[in-house]
PDB file of all heavy atoms in Angstrom:
ATOM      1  N   ARG A   1       0.862  -1.175  -0.008  1.00  0.00           N
ATOM      2  CA  ARG A   1       0.002   0.001  -0.003  1.00  0.00           C
ATOM      3  C   ARG A   1       0.887   1.225  -0.006  1.00  0.00           C
ATOM      4  O   ARG A   1       1.920   1.256   0.648  1.00  0.00           O
ATOM      5  CB  ARG A   1      -0.883   0.039   1.231  1.00  0.00           C
ATOM      6  CG  ARG A   1      -1.841  -1.078   1.372  1.00  0.00           C
ATOM      7  CD  ARG A   1      -3.024  -0.841   0.441  1.00  0.00           C
ATOM      8  NE  ARG A   1      -3.872  -2.000   0.408  1.00  0.00           N
ATOM      9  CZ  ARG A   1      -5.133  -1.987   0.756  1.00  0.00           C
ATOM     10  NH1 ARG A   1      -5.703  -0.895   1.197  1.00  0.00           N
ATOM     11  NH2 ARG A   1      -5.844  -3.089   0.648  1.00  0.00           N
ATOM     12  N   ARG A   2       0.437   2.207  -0.710  1.00  0.00           N
ATOM     13  CA  ARG A   2       1.233   3.426  -0.830  1.00  0.00           C
ATOM     14  C   ARG A   2       0.345   4.612  -0.487  1.00  0.00           C
ATOM     15  O   ARG A   2      -0.790   4.687  -0.944  1.00  0.00           O
ATOM     16  CB  ARG A   2       1.747   3.562  -2.245  1.00  0.00           C
ATOM     17  CG  ARG A   2       2.644   4.678  -2.504  1.00  0.00           C
ATOM     18  CD  ARG A   2       3.162   4.650  -3.923  1.00  0.00           C
ATOM     19  NE  ARG A   2       3.895   5.859  -4.223  1.00  0.00           N
ATOM     20  CZ  ARG A   2       4.650   6.005  -5.258  1.00  0.00           C
ATOM     21  NH1 ARG A   2       4.770   5.039  -6.125  1.00  0.00           N
ATOM     22  NH2 ARG A   2       5.285   7.136  -5.449  1.00  0.00           N
ATOM     23  N   SER A   3       0.876   5.521   0.348  1.00  0.00           N
ATOM     24  CA  SER A   3       0.097   6.689   0.711  1.00  0.00           C
ATOM     25  C   SER A   3       0.056   7.698  -0.444  1.00  0.00           C
ATOM     26  O   SER A   3       0.808   7.580  -1.405  1.00  0.00           O
ATOM     27  CB  SER A   3       0.742   7.387   1.924  1.00  0.00           C
ATOM     28  OG  SER A   3       1.941   8.004   1.558  1.00  0.00           O
ATOM     29  N   GLU A   4      -0.842   8.640  -0.316  1.00  0.00           N
ATOM     30  CA  GLU A   4      -0.841   9.731  -1.288  1.00  0.00           C
ATOM     31  C   GLU A   4       0.410  10.566  -1.049  1.00  0.00           C
ATOM     32  O   GLU A   4       0.973  10.620   0.041  1.00  0.00           O
ATOM     33  CB  GLU A   4      -2.070  10.578  -1.097  1.00  0.00           C
ATOM     34  CG  GLU A   4      -3.354   9.875  -1.478  1.00  0.00           C
ATOM     35  CD  GLU A   4      -4.528  10.823  -1.468  1.00  0.00           C
ATOM     36  OE1 GLU A   4      -4.370  12.030  -1.703  1.00  0.00           O
ATOM     37  OE2 GLU A   4      -5.638  10.325  -1.213  1.00  0.00           O
ATOM     38  N   GLN A   5       0.868  11.206  -2.075  1.00  0.00           N
ATOM     39  CA  GLN A   5       2.042  12.070  -1.962  1.00  0.00           C
ATOM     40  C   GLN A   5       1.676  13.355  -1.271  1.00  0.00           C
ATOM     41  O   GLN A   5       0.553  13.879  -1.420  1.00  0.00           O
ATOM     42  CB  GLN A   5       2.637  12.378  -3.332  1.00  0.00           C
ATOM     43  CG  GLN A   5       3.375  11.222  -3.922  1.00  0.00           C
ATOM     44  CD  GLN A   5       4.237  11.620  -5.097  1.00  0.00           C
ATOM     45  OE1 GLN A   5       4.078  12.680  -5.671  1.00  0.00           O
ATOM     46  NE2 GLN A   5       5.136  10.716  -5.477  1.00  0.00           N
ATOM     47  N   VAL A   6       2.629  13.828  -0.499  1.00  0.00           N
ATOM     48  CA  VAL A   6       2.482  15.118   0.189  1.00  0.00           C
ATOM     49  C   VAL A   6       3.691  15.966  -0.174  1.00  0.00           C
ATOM     50  O   VAL A   6       4.809  15.468  -0.350  1.00  0.00           O
ATOM     51  CB  VAL A   6       2.336  14.922   1.743  1.00  0.00           C
ATOM     52  CG1 VAL A   6       3.607  14.319   2.305  1.00  0.00           C
ATOM     53  CG2 VAL A   6       2.025  16.226   2.414  1.00  0.00           C
ATOM     54  N   THR A   7       3.454  17.253  -0.305  1.00  0.00           N
ATOM     55  CA  THR A   7       4.544  18.181  -0.648  1.00  0.00           C
ATOM     56  C   THR A   7       5.032  18.816   0.637  1.00  0.00           C
ATOM     57  O   THR A   7       4.242  19.351   1.420  1.00  0.00           O
ATOM     58  CB  THR A   7       4.072  19.276  -1.617  1.00  0.00           C
ATOM     59  OG1 THR A   7       3.623  18.635  -2.813  1.00  0.00           O
ATOM     60  CG2 THR A   7       5.203  20.235  -1.946  1.00  0.00           C
ATOM     61  N   VAL A   8       6.345  18.735   0.868  1.00  0.00           N
ATOM     62  CA  VAL A   8       6.971  19.356   2.055  1.00  0.00           C
ATOM     63  C   VAL A   8       7.864  20.472   1.536  1.00  0.00           C
ATOM     64  O   VAL A   8       8.693  20.301   0.667  1.00  0.00           O
ATOM     65  CB  VAL A   8       7.827  18.317   2.817  1.00  0.00           C
ATOM     66  CG1 VAL A   8       8.601  18.982   3.909  1.00  0.00           C
ATOM     67  CG2 VAL A   8       6.968  17.158   3.300  1.00  0.00           C
ATOM     68  N   LYS A   9       7.635  21.668   2.112  1.00  0.00           N
ATOM     69  CA  LYS A   9       8.473  22.831   1.750  1.00  0.00           C
ATOM     70  C   LYS A   9       9.189  23.297   3.000  1.00  0.00           C
ATOM     71  O   LYS A   9       8.570  23.731   3.959  1.00  0.00           O
ATOM     72  CB  LYS A   9       7.631  23.962   1.174  1.00  0.00           C
ATOM     73  CG  LYS A   9       8.460  25.178   0.802  1.00  0.00           C
ATOM     74  CD  LYS A   9       7.681  26.153  -0.032  1.00  0.00           C
ATOM     75  CE  LYS A   9       8.371  27.439  -0.305  1.00  0.00           C
ATOM     76  NZ  LYS A   9       9.680  27.382  -0.825  1.00  0.00           N
ATOM     77  N   VAL A  10      10.515  23.151   2.977  1.00  0.00           N
ATOM     78  CA  VAL A  10      11.326  23.602   4.107  1.00  0.00           C
ATOM     79  C   VAL A  10      11.627  25.084   3.882  1.00  0.00           C
ATOM     80  O   VAL A  10      12.154  25.434   2.858  1.00  0.00           O
ATOM     81  CB  VAL A  10      12.635  22.764   4.220  1.00  0.00           C
ATOM     82  CG1 VAL A  10      13.466  23.261   5.367  1.00  0.00           C
ATOM     83  CG2 VAL A  10      12.290  21.289   4.354  1.00  0.00           C
ATOM     84  N   GLN A  11      11.279  25.875   4.875  1.00  0.00           N
ATOM     85  CA  GLN A  11      11.536  27.313   4.756  1.00  0.00           C
ATOM     86  C   GLN A  11      12.740  27.695   5.614  1.00  0.00           C
ATOM     87  O   GLN A  11      12.934  27.152   6.689  1.00  0.00           O
ATOM     88  CB  GLN A  11      10.305  28.108   5.222  1.00  0.00           C
ATOM     89  CG  GLN A  11       9.127  27.880   4.292  1.00  0.00           C
ATOM     90  CD  GLN A  11       7.917  28.668   4.709  1.00  0.00           C
ATOM     91  OE1 GLN A  11       7.791  29.112   5.826  1.00  0.00           O
ATOM     92  NE2 GLN A  11       7.028  28.901   3.768  1.00  0.00           N
ATOM     93  N   GLY A  12      13.487  28.630   5.109  1.00  0.00           N
ATOM     94  CA  GLY A  12      14.670  29.091   5.809  1.00  0.00           C
ATOM     95  C   GLY A  12      14.335  30.004   6.981  1.00  0.00           C
ATOM     96  O   GLY A  12      13.289  30.695   6.980  1.00  0.00           O
ATOM     97  N   VAL A  13      15.186  30.009   7.977  1.00  0.00           N
ATOM     98  CA  VAL A  13      15.042  30.931   9.100  1.00  0.00           C
ATOM     99  C   VAL A  13      15.813  32.214   8.730  1.00  0.00           C
ATOM    100  O   VAL A  13      16.978  32.145   8.363  1.00  0.00           O
ATOM    101  CB  VAL A  13      15.620  30.297  10.386  1.00  0.00           C
ATOM    102  CG1 VAL A  13      15.602  31.281  11.538  1.00  0.00           C
ATOM    103  CG2 VAL A  13      14.862  29.051  10.733  1.00  0.00           C
ATOM    104  N   PRO A  14      15.173  33.383   8.823  1.00  0.00           N
ATOM    105  CA  PRO A  14      15.862  34.615   8.494  1.00  0.00           C
ATOM    106  C   PRO A  14      17.115  34.829   9.357  1.00  0.00           C
ATOM    107  O   PRO A  14      17.152  34.438  10.508  1.00  0.00           O
ATOM    108  CB  PRO A  14      14.837  35.706   8.770  1.00  0.00           C
ATOM    109  CG  PRO A  14      13.527  34.996   8.747  1.00  0.00           C
ATOM    110  CD  PRO A  14      13.801  33.596   9.229  1.00  0.00           C
ATOM    111  N   VAL A  15      18.122  35.464   8.767  1.00  0.00           N
ATOM    112  CA  VAL A  15      19.321  35.785   9.497  1.00  0.00           C
ATOM    113  C   VAL A  15      19.011  36.904  10.504  1.00  0.00           C
ATOM    114  O   VAL A  15      18.393  37.896  10.177  1.00  0.00           O
ATOM    115  CB  VAL A  15      20.452  36.270   8.528  1.00  0.00           C
ATOM    116  CG1 VAL A  15      21.672  36.752   9.287  1.00  0.00           C
ATOM    117  CG2 VAL A  15      20.814  35.170   7.548  1.00  0.00           C
ATOM    118  N   SER A  16      19.463  36.696  11.754  1.00  0.00           N
ATOM    119  CA  SER A  16      19.295  37.716  12.788  1.00  0.00           C
ATOM    120  C   SER A  16      20.362  37.540  13.865  1.00  0.00           C
ATOM    121  O   SER A  16      21.035  36.517  13.913  1.00  0.00           O
ATOM    122  CB  SER A  16      17.902  37.654  13.402  1.00  0.00           C
ATOM    123  OG  SER A  16      17.728  36.418  14.088  1.00  0.00           O
ATOM    124  N   GLY A  17      20.487  38.562  14.695  1.00  0.00           N
ATOM    125  CA  GLY A  17      21.438  38.495  15.798  1.00  0.00           C
ATOM    126  C   GLY A  17      22.888  38.470  15.293  1.00  0.00           C
ATOM    127  O   GLY A  17      23.719  37.764  15.857  1.00  0.00           O
ATOM    128  N   VAL A  18      23.222  39.301  14.331  1.00  0.00           N
ATOM    129  CA  VAL A  18      24.598  39.362  13.804  1.00  0.00           C
ATOM    130  C   VAL A  18      25.451  40.145  14.797  1.00  0.00           C
ATOM    131  O   VAL A  18      25.052  41.229  15.250  1.00  0.00           O
ATOM    132  CB  VAL A  18      24.630  39.995  12.428  1.00  0.00           C
ATOM    133  CG1 VAL A  18      26.037  40.033  11.875  1.00  0.00           C
ATOM    134  CG2 VAL A  18      23.713  39.272  11.450  1.00  0.00           C
ATOM    135  N   SER A  19      26.587  39.579  15.171  1.00  0.00           N
ATOM    136  CA  SER A  19      27.438  40.245  16.146  1.00  0.00           C
ATOM    137  C   SER A  19      28.915  40.124  15.721  1.00  0.00           C
ATOM    138  O   SER A  19      29.287  39.292  14.896  1.00  0.00           O
ATOM    139  CB  SER A  19      27.263  39.659  17.543  1.00  0.00           C
ATOM    140  OG  SER A  19      27.627  38.287  17.538  1.00  0.00           O
ATOM    141  N   LEU A  20      29.725  41.026  16.320  1.00  0.00           N
ATOM    142  CA  LEU A  20      31.159  41.095  16.046  1.00  0.00           C
ATOM    143  C   LEU A  20      31.960  40.792  17.287  1.00  0.00           C
ATOM    144  O   LEU A  20      31.559  41.176  18.372  1.00  0.00           O
ATOM    145  CB  LEU A  20      31.545  42.501  15.622  1.00  0.00           C
ATOM    146  CG  LEU A  20      31.321  42.960  14.200  1.00  0.00           C
ATOM    147  CD1 LEU A  20      31.785  44.374  14.013  1.00  0.00           C
ATOM    148  CD2 LEU A  20      32.064  42.063  13.256  1.00  0.00           C
ATOM    149  N   ALA A  21      33.061  40.107  17.120  1.00  0.00           N
ATOM    150  CA  ALA A  21      34.052  39.941  18.173  1.00  0.00           C
ATOM    151  C   ALA A  21      35.366  40.484  17.620  1.00  0.00           C
ATOM    152  O   ALA A  21      35.619  40.393  16.419  1.00  0.00           O
ATOM    153  CB  ALA A  21      34.199  38.465  18.546  1.00  0.00           C
ATOM    154  N   VAL A  22      36.187  41.047  18.510  1.00  0.00           N
ATOM    155  CA  VAL A  22      37.424  41.655  18.049  1.00  0.00           C
ATOM    156  C   VAL A  22      38.577  41.197  18.950  1.00  0.00           C
ATOM    157  O   VAL A  22      38.415  40.994  20.152  1.00  0.00           O
ATOM    158  CB  VAL A  22      37.330  43.196  18.051  1.00  0.00           C
ATOM    159  CG1 VAL A  22      37.038  43.756  19.403  1.00  0.00           C
ATOM    160  CG2 VAL A  22      38.559  43.829  17.442  1.00  0.00           C
ATOM    161  N   GLN A  23      39.739  41.006  18.335  1.00  0.00           N
ATOM    162  CA  GLN A  23      40.947  40.645  19.075  1.00  0.00           C
ATOM    163  C   GLN A  23      42.046  41.573  18.577  1.00  0.00           C
ATOM    164  O   GLN A  23      42.285  41.619  17.399  1.00  0.00           O
ATOM    165  CB  GLN A  23      41.310  39.182  18.800  1.00  0.00           C
ATOM    166  CG  GLN A  23      42.406  38.645  19.621  1.00  0.00           C
ATOM    167  CD  GLN A  23      42.030  38.617  21.108  1.00  0.00           C
ATOM    168  OE1 GLN A  23      40.869  38.628  21.497  1.00  0.00           O
ATOM    169  NE2 GLN A  23      43.021  38.602  21.959  1.00  0.00           N
ATOM    170  N   PRO A  24      42.638  42.392  19.378  1.00  0.00           N
ATOM    171  CA  PRO A  24      42.527  42.477  20.833  1.00  0.00           C
ATOM    172  C   PRO A  24      41.181  43.106  21.257  1.00  0.00           C
ATOM    173  O   PRO A  24      40.586  43.891  20.504  1.00  0.00           O
ATOM    174  CB  PRO A  24      43.705  43.371  21.265  1.00  0.00           C
ATOM    175  CG  PRO A  24      44.049  44.158  20.052  1.00  0.00           C
ATOM    176  CD  PRO A  24      43.665  43.340  18.856  1.00  0.00           C
ATOM    177  N   PRO A  25      40.720  42.745  22.476  1.00  0.00           N
ATOM    178  CA  PRO A  25      39.459  43.251  22.974  1.00  0.00           C
ATOM    179  C   PRO A  25      39.440  44.781  23.031  1.00  0.00           C
ATOM    180  O   PRO A  25      40.429  45.409  23.258  1.00  0.00           O
ATOM    181  CB  PRO A  25      39.363  42.669  24.385  1.00  0.00           C
ATOM    182  CG  PRO A  25      40.271  41.484  24.395  1.00  0.00           C
ATOM    183  CD  PRO A  25      41.366  41.827  23.410  1.00  0.00           C
ATOM    184  N   GLY A  26      38.267  45.339  22.782  1.00  0.00           N
ATOM    185  CA  GLY A  26      38.109  46.796  22.840  1.00  0.00           C
ATOM    186  C   GLY A  26      38.348  47.471  21.484  1.00  0.00           C
ATOM    187  O   GLY A  26      38.033  48.633  21.330  1.00  0.00           O
ATOM    188  N   GLY A  27      38.920  46.780  20.514  1.00  0.00           N
ATOM    189  CA  GLY A  27      39.142  47.356  19.211  1.00  0.00           C
ATOM    190  C   GLY A  27      40.265  48.348  19.121  1.00  0.00           C
ATOM    191  O   GLY A  27      40.384  49.100  18.162  1.00  0.00           O
ATOM    192  N   GLN A  28      41.176  48.370  20.129  1.00  0.00           N
ATOM    193  CA  GLN A  28      42.345  49.226  20.073  1.00  0.00           C
ATOM    194  C   GLN A  28      43.582  48.338  19.824  1.00  0.00           C
ATOM    195  O   GLN A  28      43.792  47.363  20.508  1.00  0.00           O
ATOM    196  CB  GLN A  28      42.525  50.013  21.339  1.00  0.00           C
ATOM    197  CG  GLN A  28      41.538  51.100  21.518  1.00  0.00           C
ATOM    198  CD  GLN A  28      41.881  52.033  22.641  1.00  0.00           C
ATOM    199  OE1 GLN A  28      42.755  51.767  23.455  1.00  0.00           O
ATOM    200  NE2 GLN A  28      41.197  53.161  22.720  1.00  0.00           N
ATOM    201  N   VAL A  29      44.360  48.752  18.841  1.00  0.00           N
ATOM    202  CA  VAL A  29      45.519  47.962  18.490  1.00  0.00           C
ATOM    203  C   VAL A  29      46.673  48.968  18.149  1.00  0.00           C
ATOM    204  O   VAL A  29      46.425  50.063  17.646  1.00  0.00           O
ATOM    205  CB  VAL A  29      45.233  47.040  17.281  1.00  0.00           C
ATOM    206  CG1 VAL A  29      44.858  47.818  16.063  1.00  0.00           C
ATOM    207  CG2 VAL A  29      46.372  46.097  17.002  1.00  0.00           C
ATOM    208  N   ALA A  30      47.895  48.569  18.516  1.00  0.00           N
ATOM    209  CA  ALA A  30      49.051  49.398  18.178  1.00  0.00           C
ATOM    210  C   ALA A  30      49.383  49.266  16.705  1.00  0.00           C
ATOM    211  O   ALA A  30      49.203  48.198  16.113  1.00  0.00           O
ATOM    212  CB  ALA A  30      50.255  48.989  19.027  1.00  0.00           C
ATOM    213  N   GLU A  31      49.833  50.349  16.104  1.00  0.00           N
ATOM    214  CA  GLU A  31      50.191  50.331  14.690  1.00  0.00           C
ATOM    215  C   GLU A  31      51.233  49.230  14.466  1.00  0.00           C
ATOM    216  O   GLU A  31      52.194  49.080  15.216  1.00  0.00           O
ATOM    217  CB  GLU A  31      50.761  51.696  14.295  1.00  0.00           C
ATOM    218  CG  GLU A  31      50.851  51.869  12.807  1.00  0.00           C
ATOM    219  CD  GLU A  31      51.100  53.307  12.415  1.00  0.00           C
ATOM    220  OE1 GLU A  31      51.652  54.079  13.234  1.00  0.00           O
ATOM    221  OE2 GLU A  31      50.745  53.688  11.275  1.00  0.00           O
ATOM    222  N   GLY A  32      51.009  48.422  13.413  1.00  0.00           N
ATOM    223  CA  GLY A  32      51.884  47.328  13.086  1.00  0.00           C
ATOM    224  C   GLY A  32      51.483  45.989  13.696  1.00  0.00           C
ATOM    225  O   GLY A  32      51.961  44.951  13.312  1.00  0.00           O
ATOM    226  N   ASP A  33      50.560  46.008  14.671  1.00  0.00           N
ATOM    227  CA  ASP A  33      50.097  44.773  15.306  1.00  0.00           C
ATOM    228  C   ASP A  33      48.920  44.176  14.534  1.00  0.00           C
ATOM    229  O   ASP A  33      48.298  44.834  13.704  1.00  0.00           O
ATOM    230  CB  ASP A  33      49.686  45.014  16.756  1.00  0.00           C
ATOM    231  CG  ASP A  33      50.883  45.176  17.685  1.00  0.00           C
ATOM    232  OD1 ASP A  33      52.036  44.985  17.215  1.00  0.00           O
ATOM    233  OD2 ASP A  33      50.687  45.516  18.864  1.00  0.00           O
ATOM    234  N   ARG A  34      48.609  42.948  14.889  1.00  0.00           N
ATOM    235  CA  ARG A  34      47.531  42.181  14.228  1.00  0.00           C
ATOM    236  C   ARG A  34      46.197  42.537  14.835  1.00  0.00           C
ATOM    237  O   ARG A  34      46.054  42.675  16.038  1.00  0.00           O
ATOM    238  CB  ARG A  34      47.827  40.703  14.404  1.00  0.00           C
ATOM    239  CG  ARG A  34      46.868  39.773  13.720  1.00  0.00           C
ATOM    240  CD  ARG A  34      47.425  38.326  13.887  1.00  0.00           C
ATOM    241  NE  ARG A  34      46.354  37.410  13.665  1.00  0.00           N
ATOM    242  CZ  ARG A  34      45.594  36.882  14.641  1.00  0.00           C
ATOM    243  NH1 ARG A  34      45.790  37.188  15.896  1.00  0.00           N
ATOM    244  NH2 ARG A  34      44.631  36.043  14.332  1.00  0.00           N
TER     245      ARG A  34
END
């Protein structure tokens, strides 16, 4: 026995909560440093 076909549509989750991390902390760096 076979069931009727069903259509499944997977929807994406919108992008949210974008954040930044920085090294060195605080975003201050000496000239020439990484």
